[in-house]
C-alpha atoms as a PDB file:
ATOM      1  CA  MET A   1     121.943  76.378 124.966  1.00  0.00           C
ATOM      2  CA  SER A   2     118.593  77.450 123.308  1.00  0.00           C
ATOM      3  CA  GLU A   3     118.574  78.886 119.798  1.00  0.00           C
ATOM      4  CA  THR A   4     117.969  82.612 119.557  1.00  0.00           C
ATOM      5  CA  PRO A   5     114.356  83.338 118.540  1.00  0.00           C
ATOM      6  CA  VAL A   6     113.772  84.540 115.032  1.00  0.00           C
ATOM      7  CA  PHE A   7     112.395  87.843 116.106  1.00  0.00           C
ATOM      8  CA  ASP A   8     114.428  88.586 119.173  1.00  0.00           C
ATOM      9  CA  ASP A   9     114.168  91.922 121.038  1.00  0.00           C
ATOM     10  CA  ALA A  10     117.165  93.447 119.242  1.00  0.00           C
ATOM     11  CA  PHE A  11     115.694  92.647 115.731  1.00  0.00           C
ATOM     12  CA  LEU A  12     112.296  94.107 116.860  1.00  0.00           C
ATOM     13  CA  ALA A  13     113.802  97.291 118.270  1.00  0.00           C
ATOM     14  CA  SER A  14     115.626  97.711 114.771  1.00  0.00           C
ATOM     15  CA  LEU A  15     112.450  97.924 112.935  1.00  0.00           C
ATOM     16  CA  SER A  16     111.772 101.603 113.827  1.00  0.00           C
ATOM     17  CA  ARG A  17     115.253 102.533 112.817  1.00  0.00           C
ATOM     18  CA  LEU A  18     114.665 100.586 109.602  1.00  0.00           C
ATOM     19  CA  ARG A  19     111.460 102.394 108.818  1.00  0.00           C
ATOM     20  CA  PHE A  20     113.188 105.745 109.315  1.00  0.00           C
ATOM     21  CA  ALA A  21     116.013 104.652 107.125  1.00  0.00           C
ATOM     22  CA  VAL A  22     113.518 103.697 104.427  1.00  0.00           C
ATOM     23  CA  ARG A  23     111.865 106.992 104.562  1.00  0.00           C
ATOM     24  CA  ARG A  24     115.012 108.907 104.336  1.00  0.00           C
ATOM     25  CA  LEU A  25     116.159 106.893 101.553  1.00  0.00           C
ATOM     26  CA  ARG A  26     112.893 107.724  99.627  1.00  0.00           C
ATOM     27  CA  ALA A  27     113.444 111.266 100.411  1.00  0.00           C
ATOM     28  CA  VAL A  28     116.960 111.407  98.920  1.00  0.00           C
ATOM     29  CA  GLU A  29     116.519 109.216  96.064  1.00  0.00           C
ATOM     30  CA  GLY A  30     113.304 110.601  94.651  1.00  0.00           C
ATOM     31  CA  GLU A  31     110.603 108.074  95.660  1.00  0.00           C
ATOM     32  CA  GLY A  32     108.330 111.176  96.453  1.00  0.00           C
ATOM     33  CA  GLU A  33     106.142 111.607  99.537  1.00  0.00           C
ATOM     34  CA  VAL A  34     102.931 110.004 100.204  1.00  0.00           C
ATOM     35  CA  ARG A  35     100.006 111.127 102.222  1.00  0.00           C
ATOM     36  CA  ARG A  36      96.505 109.443 102.952  1.00  0.00           C
ATOM     37  CA  ASP A  37      93.231 111.292 102.579  1.00  0.00           C
ATOM     38  CA  ARG A  38      90.182 110.767 104.706  1.00  0.00           C
ATOM     39  CA  ARG A  39      88.461 108.425 102.227  1.00  0.00           C
ATOM     40  CA  GLY A  40      91.234 105.885 102.395  1.00  0.00           C
ATOM     41  CA  GLY A  41      93.185 105.213  99.328  1.00  0.00           C
ATOM     42  CA  ARG A  42      96.410 106.776  98.634  1.00  0.00           C
ATOM     43  CA  ILE A  43      97.516 110.248  97.244  1.00  0.00           C
ATOM     44  CA  GLU A  44     101.237 110.415  96.075  1.00  0.00           C
ATOM     45  CA  PHE A  45     103.211 113.525  95.423  1.00  0.00           C
ATOM     46  CA  ALA A  46     103.612 113.978  91.691  1.00  0.00           C
ATOM     47  CA  GLU A  47     105.271 117.464  91.021  1.00  0.00           C
ATOM     48  CA  HIS A  48     105.537 121.239  91.931  1.00  0.00           C
ATOM     49  CA  ARG A  49     104.082 123.936  89.971  1.00  0.00           C
ATOM     50  CA  PRO A  50     104.018 127.705  90.386  1.00  0.00           C
ATOM     51  CA  TYR A  51     101.378 129.163  92.811  1.00  0.00           C
ATOM     52  CA  VAL A  52      98.528 131.070  91.186  1.00  0.00           C
ATOM     53  CA  HIS A  53      95.654 133.024  92.996  1.00  0.00           C
ATOM     54  CA  GLY A  54      93.078 130.798  94.408  1.00  0.00           C
ATOM     55  CA  ASP A  55      95.346 127.696  95.034  1.00  0.00           C
ATOM     56  CA  ASP A  56      94.819 125.985  98.445  1.00  0.00           C
ATOM     57  CA  THR A  57      97.449 127.668 100.555  1.00  0.00           C
ATOM     58  CA  ARG A  58      97.802 124.225 102.504  1.00  0.00           C
ATOM     59  CA  LEU A  59      99.554 122.873  99.488  1.00  0.00           C
ATOM     60  CA  LEU A  60     102.256 125.544  99.453  1.00  0.00           C
ATOM     61  CA  ASP A  61     105.711 123.994  99.754  1.00  0.00           C
ATOM     62  CA  TRP A  62     107.469 126.345 102.278  1.00  0.00           C
ATOM     63  CA  GLY A  63     110.790 124.238 101.627  1.00  0.00           C
ATOM     64  CA  ALA A  64     110.725 125.216  98.001  1.00  0.00           C
ATOM     65  CA  TYR A  65     110.009 128.875  98.986  1.00  0.00           C
ATOM     66  CA  ALA A  66     112.880 128.963 101.448  1.00  0.00           C
ATOM     67  CA  ARG A  67     115.383 127.708  98.668  1.00  0.00           C
ATOM     68  CA  THR A  68     113.991 129.822  95.804  1.00  0.00           C
ATOM     69  CA  GLY A  69     112.000 132.860  97.243  1.00  0.00           C
ATOM     70  CA  ARG A  70     109.004 131.807  95.023  1.00  0.00           C
ATOM     71  CA  PHE A  71     105.700 130.150  95.903  1.00  0.00           C
ATOM     72  CA  PHE A  72     105.068 126.597  94.632  1.00  0.00           C
ATOM     73  CA  VAL A  73     102.263 124.268  95.295  1.00  0.00           C
ATOM     74  CA  LYS A  74     102.407 120.587  95.460  1.00  0.00           C
ATOM     75  CA  GLU A  75     100.319 118.366  93.123  1.00  0.00           C
ATOM     76  CA  PHE A  76      99.345 114.961  94.009  1.00  0.00           C
ATOM     77  CA  GLU A  77      97.954 111.944  92.061  1.00  0.00           C
ATOM     78  CA  ARG A  78      95.596 109.283  93.506  1.00  0.00           C
ATOM     79  CA  GLU A  79      96.927 105.682  93.422  1.00  0.00           C
ATOM     80  CA  GLU A  80      95.136 102.569  93.752  1.00  0.00           C
ATOM     81  CA  ASP A  81      95.123 100.606  97.051  1.00  0.00           C
ATOM     82  CA  LEU A  82      98.483  98.676  97.194  1.00  0.00           C
ATOM     83  CA  SER A  83      98.760  95.185  98.551  1.00  0.00           C
ATOM     84  CA  VAL A  84     102.011  93.240  99.144  1.00  0.00           C
ATOM     85  CA  LEU A  85     102.299  89.641  98.892  1.00  0.00           C
ATOM     86  CA  LEU A  86     105.378  88.036 100.470  1.00  0.00           C
ATOM     87  CA  VAL A  87     106.018  84.296  99.259  1.00  0.00           C
ATOM     88  CA  VAL A  88     108.702  82.650 101.503  1.00  0.00           C
ATOM     89  CA  ASP A  89     110.206  79.468 100.025  1.00  0.00           C
ATOM     90  CA  ALA A  90     110.050  77.107 103.179  1.00  0.00           C
ATOM     91  CA  SER A  91     111.522  74.017 101.361  1.00  0.00           C
ATOM     92  CA  ALA A  92     114.092  71.666 102.983  1.00  0.00           C
ATOM     93  CA  SER A  93     117.154  73.533 101.258  1.00  0.00           C
ATOM     94  CA  MET A  94     116.188  76.900 102.796  1.00  0.00           C
ATOM     95  CA  GLY A  95     116.843  75.320 106.278  1.00  0.00           C
ATOM     96  CA  LEU A  96     120.598  75.203 105.575  1.00  0.00           C
ATOM     97  CA  HIS A  97     123.096  77.969 106.322  1.00  0.00           C
ATOM     98  CA  GLY A  98     120.482  80.361 107.858  1.00  0.00           C
ATOM     99  CA  LYS A  99     118.623  81.031 104.654  1.00  0.00           C
ATOM    100  CA  LEU A 100     115.072  80.395 106.095  1.00  0.00           C
ATOM    101  CA  ARG A 101     115.894  82.578 109.170  1.00  0.00           C
ATOM    102  CA  ALA A 102     117.097  85.366 106.776  1.00  0.00           C
ATOM    103  CA  ALA A 103     113.832  85.005 104.719  1.00  0.00           C
ATOM    104  CA  GLN A 104     111.805  85.149 107.749  1.00  0.00           C
ATOM    105  CA  ARG A 105     113.313  88.299 109.114  1.00  0.00           C
ATOM    106  CA  LEU A 106     113.422  90.016 105.788  1.00  0.00           C
ATOM    107  CA  ALA A 107     109.775  89.110 105.142  1.00  0.00           C
ATOM    108  CA  TYR A 108     108.824  90.570 108.608  1.00  0.00           C
ATOM    109  CA  ALA A 109     110.829  93.666 108.084  1.00  0.00           C
ATOM    110  CA  LEU A 110     109.254  94.334 104.594  1.00  0.00           C
ATOM    111  CA  ALA A 111     105.880  93.563 106.094  1.00  0.00           C
ATOM    112  CA  TYR A 112     106.497  95.965 108.794  1.00  0.00           C
ATOM    113  CA  VAL A 113     107.445  98.916 106.397  1.00  0.00           C
ATOM    114  CA  ALA A 114     104.579  98.028 104.000  1.00  0.00           C
ATOM    115  CA  LEU A 115     101.925  98.117 106.723  1.00  0.00           C
ATOM    116  CA  ALA A 116     103.429 101.356 108.260  1.00  0.00           C
ATOM    117  CA  SER A 117     103.016 102.995 104.700  1.00  0.00           C
ATOM    118  CA  GLY A 118      99.438 101.945 104.543  1.00  0.00           C
ATOM    119  CA  SER A 119      99.477  98.947 102.284  1.00  0.00           C
ATOM    120  CA  ARG A 120      97.674  95.642 102.798  1.00  0.00           C
ATOM    121  CA  VAL A 121     100.004  92.435 103.422  1.00  0.00           C
ATOM    122  CA  ARG A 122      99.671  88.787 103.299  1.00  0.00           C
ATOM    123  CA  VAL A 123     102.474  86.069 103.921  1.00  0.00           C
ATOM    124  CA  MET A 124     102.573  82.755 101.946  1.00  0.00           C
ATOM    125  CA  ALA A 125     104.802  79.756 102.509  1.00  0.00           C
ATOM    126  CA  ALA A 126     105.788  77.700  99.402  1.00  0.00           C
ATOM    127  CA  THR A 127     106.814  73.977  99.733  1.00  0.00           C
ATOM    128  CA  ASP A 128     106.258  70.870  97.802  1.00  0.00           C
ATOM    129  CA  GLY A 129     104.366  72.749  95.110  1.00  0.00           C
ATOM    130  CA  GLU A 130     101.841  74.026  97.479  1.00  0.00           C
ATOM    131  CA  LEU A 131     101.258  77.504  98.977  1.00  0.00           C
ATOM    132  CA  ARG A 132      99.966  78.065 102.462  1.00  0.00           C
ATOM    133  CA  SER A 133      98.695  81.660 103.431  1.00  0.00           C
ATOM    134  CA  SER A 134      98.232  83.926 106.330  1.00  0.00           C
ATOM    135  CA  ALA A 135      95.302  86.297 106.369  1.00  0.00           C
ATOM    136  CA  GLU A 136      95.614  89.507 104.543  1.00  0.00           C
ATOM    137  CA  VAL A 137      96.178  92.229 107.097  1.00  0.00           C
ATOM    138  CA  ALA A 138      96.303  96.170 107.123  1.00  0.00           C
ATOM    139  CA  GLY A 139      97.501  98.443 109.895  1.00  0.00           C
ATOM    140  CA  SER A 140     100.752  98.334 111.738  1.00  0.00           C
ATOM    141  CA  ALA A 141      98.964  96.836 114.884  1.00  0.00           C
ATOM    142  CA  ARG A 142      98.424  93.584 112.980  1.00  0.00           C
ATOM    143  CA  ILE A 143     102.143  92.757 112.114  1.00  0.00           C
ATOM    144  CA  ARG A 144     102.108  90.306 115.115  1.00  0.00           C
ATOM    145  CA  GLU A 145      99.822  88.129 113.117  1.00  0.00           C
ATOM    146  CA  LEU A 146     102.301  87.927 110.337  1.00  0.00           C
ATOM    147  CA  GLY A 147     105.073  87.246 112.834  1.00  0.00           C
ATOM    148  CA  GLY A 148     103.355  84.449 114.090  1.00  0.00           C
ATOM    149  CA  PHE A 149     102.858  82.823 110.650  1.00  0.00           C
ATOM    150  CA  LEU A 150     106.493  83.417 109.769  1.00  0.00           C
ATOM    151  CA  THR A 151     107.725  82.060 113.218  1.00  0.00           C
ATOM    152  CA  GLY A 152     105.765  78.674 112.501  1.00  0.00           C
ATOM    153  CA  LEU A 153     107.579  78.128 109.356  1.00  0.00           C
ATOM    154  CA  VAL A 154     109.807  74.780 109.243  1.00  0.00           C
ATOM    155  CA  ALA A 155     112.105  74.091 106.312  1.00  0.00           C
ATOM    156  CA  ASP A 156     110.678  70.831 104.921  1.00  0.00           C
ATOM    157  CA  GLY A 157     109.790  69.263 101.454  1.00  0.00           C
ATOM    158  CA  ARG A 158     110.903  70.111  97.957  1.00  0.00           C
ATOM    159  CA  THR A 159     111.096  73.327  96.027  1.00  0.00           C
ATOM    160  CA  ASP A 160     108.621  73.660  93.106  1.00  0.00           C
ATOM    161  CA  LEU A 161     108.066  77.388  92.987  1.00  0.00           C
ATOM    162  CA  ASP A 162     106.467  77.020  89.359  1.00  0.00           C
ATOM    163  CA  ALA A 163     103.815  74.900  90.976  1.00  0.00           C
ATOM    164  CA  SER A 164     103.607  76.836  94.302  1.00  0.00           C
ATOM    165  CA  LEU A 165     103.218  80.269  92.608  1.00  0.00           C
ATOM    166  CA  LEU A 166     100.111  78.877  90.633  1.00  0.00           C
ATOM    167  CA  GLY A 167      98.349  79.237  93.902  1.00  0.00           C
ATOM    168  CA  VAL A 168      98.769  82.986  94.140  1.00  0.00           C
ATOM    169  CA  PRO A 169      95.227  84.380  94.053  1.00  0.00           C
ATOM    170  CA  ARG A 170      94.284  87.010  91.553  1.00  0.00           C
ATOM    171  CA  ALA A 171      94.351  90.487  93.018  1.00  0.00           C
ATOM    172  CA  ALA A 172      90.908  91.453  94.264  1.00  0.00           C
ATOM    173  CA  ARG A 173      91.304  95.187  94.053  1.00  0.00           C
ATOM    174  CA  GLY A 174      94.063  97.744  93.417  1.00  0.00           C
ATOM    175  CA  SER A 175      97.585  97.104  92.393  1.00  0.00           C
ATOM    176  CA  ARG A 176      99.837  94.409  93.891  1.00  0.00           C
ATOM    177  CA  ILE A 177     103.480  93.548  94.485  1.00  0.00           C
ATOM    178  CA  VAL A 178     104.436  89.965  94.802  1.00  0.00           C
ATOM    179  CA  ILE A 179     107.857  89.388  96.433  1.00  0.00           C
ATOM    180  CA  VAL A 180     109.231  85.879  96.372  1.00  0.00           C
ATOM    181  CA  LEU A 181     112.119  84.997  98.879  1.00  0.00           C
ATOM    182  CA  SER A 182     113.950  81.769  97.774  1.00  0.00           C
ATOM    183  CA  ASP A 183     117.450  80.365  97.302  1.00  0.00           C
ATOM    184  CA  LEU A 184     116.231  79.059  93.840  1.00  0.00           C
ATOM    185  CA  MET A 185     117.885  75.839  94.166  1.00  0.00           C
ATOM    186  CA  SER A 186     115.644  73.833  91.819  1.00  0.00           C
ATOM    187  CA  GLU A 187     114.965  73.422  88.188  1.00  0.00           C
ATOM    188  CA  ASN A 188     111.316  74.645  88.959  1.00  0.00           C
ATOM    189  CA  ASP A 189     112.589  77.972  90.247  1.00  0.00           C
ATOM    190  CA  GLY A 190     109.517  79.895  89.542  1.00  0.00           C
ATOM    191  CA  GLN A 191     110.524  81.572  86.247  1.00  0.00           C
ATOM    192  CA  ARG A 192     107.625  80.289  84.297  1.00  0.00           C
ATOM    193  CA  THR A 193     104.881  81.240  86.807  1.00  0.00           C
ATOM    194  CA  ALA A 194     106.534  84.462  87.733  1.00  0.00           C
ATOM    195  CA  GLY A 195     106.346  85.686  84.011  1.00  0.00           C
ATOM    196  CA  ALA A 196     102.662  84.703  84.018  1.00  0.00           C
ATOM    197  CA  LEU A 197     102.086  86.861  87.293  1.00  0.00           C
ATOM    198  CA  VAL A 198     103.683  89.975  85.273  1.00  0.00           C
ATOM    199  CA  ARG A 199     101.503  89.399  82.463  1.00  0.00           C
ATOM    200  CA  ARG A 200      98.425  89.440  84.578  1.00  0.00           C
ATOM    201  CA  GLY A 201      99.452  92.864  86.156  1.00  0.00           C
ATOM    202  CA  ASP A 202     101.426  92.009  89.194  1.00  0.00           C
ATOM    203  CA  ASP A 203     104.766  93.881  90.034  1.00  0.00           C
ATOM    204  CA  VAL A 204     106.971  90.870  90.851  1.00  0.00           C
ATOM    205  CA  HIS A 205     110.329  90.887  92.680  1.00  0.00           C
ATOM    206  CA  VAL A 206     112.486  87.788  93.327  1.00  0.00           C
ATOM    207  CA  LEU A 207     114.948  88.016  96.212  1.00  0.00           C
ATOM    208  CA  HIS A 208     117.470  85.285  95.724  1.00  0.00           C
ATOM    209  CA  LEU A 209     119.030  84.381  99.014  1.00  0.00           C
ATOM    210  CA  HIS A 210     122.281  82.550  98.887  1.00  0.00           C
ATOM    211  CA  ALA A 211     124.943  81.628 101.373  1.00  0.00           C
ATOM    212  CA  ALA A 212     128.623  81.094 100.931  1.00  0.00           C
ATOM    213  CA  GLU A 213     128.365  77.568 102.431  1.00  0.00           C
ATOM    214  CA  ASP A 214     126.241  76.536  99.557  1.00  0.00           C
ATOM    215  CA  ARG A 215     129.409  76.522  97.591  1.00  0.00           C
ATOM    216  CA  ASP A 216     131.973  75.696 100.242  1.00  0.00           C
ATOM    217  CA  LEU A 217     133.138  72.327  98.779  1.00  0.00           C
ATOM    218  CA  ALA A 218     136.639  70.926  98.737  1.00  0.00           C
ATOM    219  CA  ASP A 219     138.445  70.873  95.479  1.00  0.00           C
ATOM    220  CA  ASP A 220     140.960  68.162  96.372  1.00  0.00           C
ATOM    221  CA  ARG A 221     138.936  64.972  96.948  1.00  0.00           C
ATOM    222  CA  PRO A 222     135.617  63.563  95.912  1.00  0.00           C
ATOM    223  CA  VAL A 223     132.617  64.534  98.146  1.00  0.00           C
ATOM    224  CA  VAL A 224     129.488  62.798  99.132  1.00  0.00           C
ATOM    225  CA  LEU A 225     126.643  65.114  99.490  1.00  0.00           C
ATOM    226  CA  VAL A 226     123.068  64.325 100.916  1.00  0.00           C
ATOM    227  CA  ASP A 227     120.281  66.189  99.052  1.00  0.00           C
ATOM    228  CA  ALA A 228     118.350  68.196 101.853  1.00  0.00           C
ATOM    229  CA  GLU A 229     115.081  67.741 100.034  1.00  0.00           C
ATOM    230  CA  THR A 230     115.145  64.083  98.893  1.00  0.00           C
ATOM    231  CA  GLY A 231     117.749  62.511 101.196  1.00  0.00           C
ATOM    232  CA  GLU A 232     119.590  61.119  98.235  1.00  0.00           C
ATOM    233  CA  ARG A 233     123.300  60.581  98.743  1.00  0.00           C
ATOM    234  CA  VAL A 234     125.379  61.784  95.595  1.00  0.00           C
ATOM    235  CA  THR A 235     129.142  61.605  95.089  1.00  0.00           C
ATOM    236  CA  VAL A 236     130.407  64.545  93.275  1.00  0.00           C
ATOM    237  CA  ALA A 237     133.861  64.939  91.559  1.00  0.00           C
ATOM    238  CA  SER A 238     137.034  66.281  93.182  1.00  0.00           C
ATOM    239  CA  ASP A 239     136.492  69.699  91.299  1.00  0.00           C
ATOM    240  CA  ALA A 240     133.096  70.076  93.276  1.00  0.00           C
ATOM    241  CA  GLY A 241     133.896  73.465  94.725  1.00  0.00           C
ATOM    242  CA  ARG A 242     134.581  74.962  91.245  1.00  0.00           C
ATOM    243  CA  ARG A 243     131.501  73.479  89.844  1.00  0.00           C
ATOM    244  CA  ALA A 244     129.355  74.807  92.488  1.00  0.00           C
ATOM    245  CA  ASP A 245     130.667  78.392  91.914  1.00  0.00           C
ATOM    246  CA  LEU A 246     130.052  77.879  88.250  1.00  0.00           C
ATOM    247  CA  ASP A 247     126.467  76.595  88.873  1.00  0.00           C
ATOM    248  CA  ALA A 248     125.781  79.401  91.232  1.00  0.00           C
ATOM    249  CA  ALA A 249     127.175  82.087  88.673  1.00  0.00           C
ATOM    250  CA  GLU A 250     125.028  80.505  85.842  1.00  0.00           C
ATOM    251  CA  ARG A 251     121.797  80.559  87.957  1.00  0.00           C
ATOM    252  CA  GLU A 252     122.343  84.333  88.736  1.00  0.00           C
ATOM    253  CA  ARG A 253     123.126  84.878  85.144  1.00  0.00           C
ATOM    254  CA  ARG A 254     119.989  83.045  83.914  1.00  0.00           C
ATOM    255  CA  TRP A 255     117.831  85.007  86.400  1.00  0.00           C
ATOM    256  CA  HIS A 256     119.357  88.317  85.520  1.00  0.00           C
ATOM    257  CA  ALA A 257     118.452  87.640  81.761  1.00  0.00           C
ATOM    258  CA  PHE A 258     114.964  86.476  82.648  1.00  0.00           C
ATOM    259  CA  ALA A 259     114.331  89.446  84.851  1.00  0.00           C
ATOM    260  CA  SER A 260     115.378  91.973  82.088  1.00  0.00           C
ATOM    261  CA  ARG A 261     113.126  90.206  79.407  1.00  0.00           C
ATOM    262  CA  HIS A 262     109.987  89.998  81.686  1.00  0.00           C
ATOM    263  CA  ARG A 263     110.147  93.112  83.877  1.00  0.00           C
ATOM    264  CA  VAL A 264     110.688  91.151  86.978  1.00  0.00           C
ATOM    265  CA  GLY A 265     112.788  92.539  89.903  1.00  0.00           C
ATOM    266  CA  TYR A 266     115.704  90.324  90.719  1.00  0.00           C
ATOM    267  CA  VAL A 267     118.195  90.839  93.464  1.00  0.00           C
ATOM    268  CA  PRO A 268     120.646  88.291  94.778  1.00  0.00           C
ATOM    269  CA  LEU A 269     121.224  88.791  98.606  1.00  0.00           C
ATOM    270  CA  ASP A 270     123.629  87.293 100.951  1.00  0.00           C
ATOM    271  CA  ALA A 271     121.751  85.552 103.856  1.00  0.00           C
ATOM    272  CA  ALA A 272     124.538  86.435 106.316  1.00  0.00           C
ATOM    273  CA  VAL A 273     123.970  90.093 105.823  1.00  0.00           C
ATOM    274  CA  SER A 274     121.881  92.127 108.445  1.00  0.00           C
ATOM    275  CA  THR A 275     118.155  92.413 107.706  1.00  0.00           C
ATOM    276  CA  GLU A 276     118.252  96.234 107.513  1.00  0.00           C
ATOM    277  CA  GLU A 277     121.042  96.009 104.865  1.00  0.00           C
ATOM    278  CA  LEU A 278     118.931  93.361 102.909  1.00  0.00           C
ATOM    279  CA  VAL A 279     115.982  95.697 102.750  1.00  0.00           C
ATOM    280  CA  ILE A 280     117.992  98.618 101.528  1.00  0.00           C
ATOM    281  CA  ARG A 281     119.644  96.556  98.947  1.00  0.00           C
ATOM    282  CA  PHE A 282     116.194  95.095  97.755  1.00  0.00           C
ATOM    283  CA  LEU A 283     114.734  98.681  97.626  1.00  0.00           C
ATOM    284  CA  ARG A 284     117.553  99.909  95.579  1.00  0.00           C
ATOM    285  CA  GLY A 285     118.464  96.795  93.341  1.00  0.00           C
ATOM    286  CA  GLY A 286     114.883  95.771  92.797  1.00  0.00           C
ATOM    287  CA  GLY A 287     114.031  99.164  91.261  1.00  0.00           C
ATOM    288  CA  VAL A 288     111.578 100.119  94.118  1.00  0.00           C
ATOM    289  CA  LEU A 289     113.660 103.164  94.663  1.00  0.00           C
ATOM    290  CA  SER A 290     115.152 104.734  91.788  1.00  0.00           C
END
């Protein structure tokens, strides 16, 4: 029996529904509305103010009029061009328990939403301290290029996000969101470099993909484990399950503390959850939506 493709028909069909859900969530939770002018760039809704004679009537908010019986106009602020860089950890540990598949689908869905909103998007793969990149694309029609790059990822090599993230290029223009998708199962889990990216002006978010099986170890006998990245066989004590739980909790605690100190978005996500729910949890938990 062949394995289901990463981007199967059901997943692809769900993307338009996801885009609608994100737009609705933004409307409900105050993200504001966005429009694009003829010169390119981005104009974002800032606030309402009372209408005065001479205002452009095309900016009247008829919804506000229906609610209040008074005329208001919408004011907008120009934003710089926005680019989104998605860094997928493709090390060997991500190949366990569906984590890489979840990262591929989540990265594709985020790229789809970002392209539909007018942002430029690039996808990068991190493994063995290196960083491999797709082309930067704009426009929804080019999502297939990013999908081809993501489909080609194979979980292999060691995790060294600190070294890999050094390869993130400086933003050429406008502002940028850098989103890292990883199980963070390494001492070199990217904290040092993520802080440096923030200091140079990037908006950094770390999506911590975990799986219950990462901690599913028996507590009644010694266990022999094989390191997915090194092949090393390690015998762990009979309380391995409890220790794995404690290690996972400590990893999350350390990342939460780091994120609050360095203005990094950090969201732990269960790789077994649907892609649509993962996107919504990220947008809310990462501070992308208030």
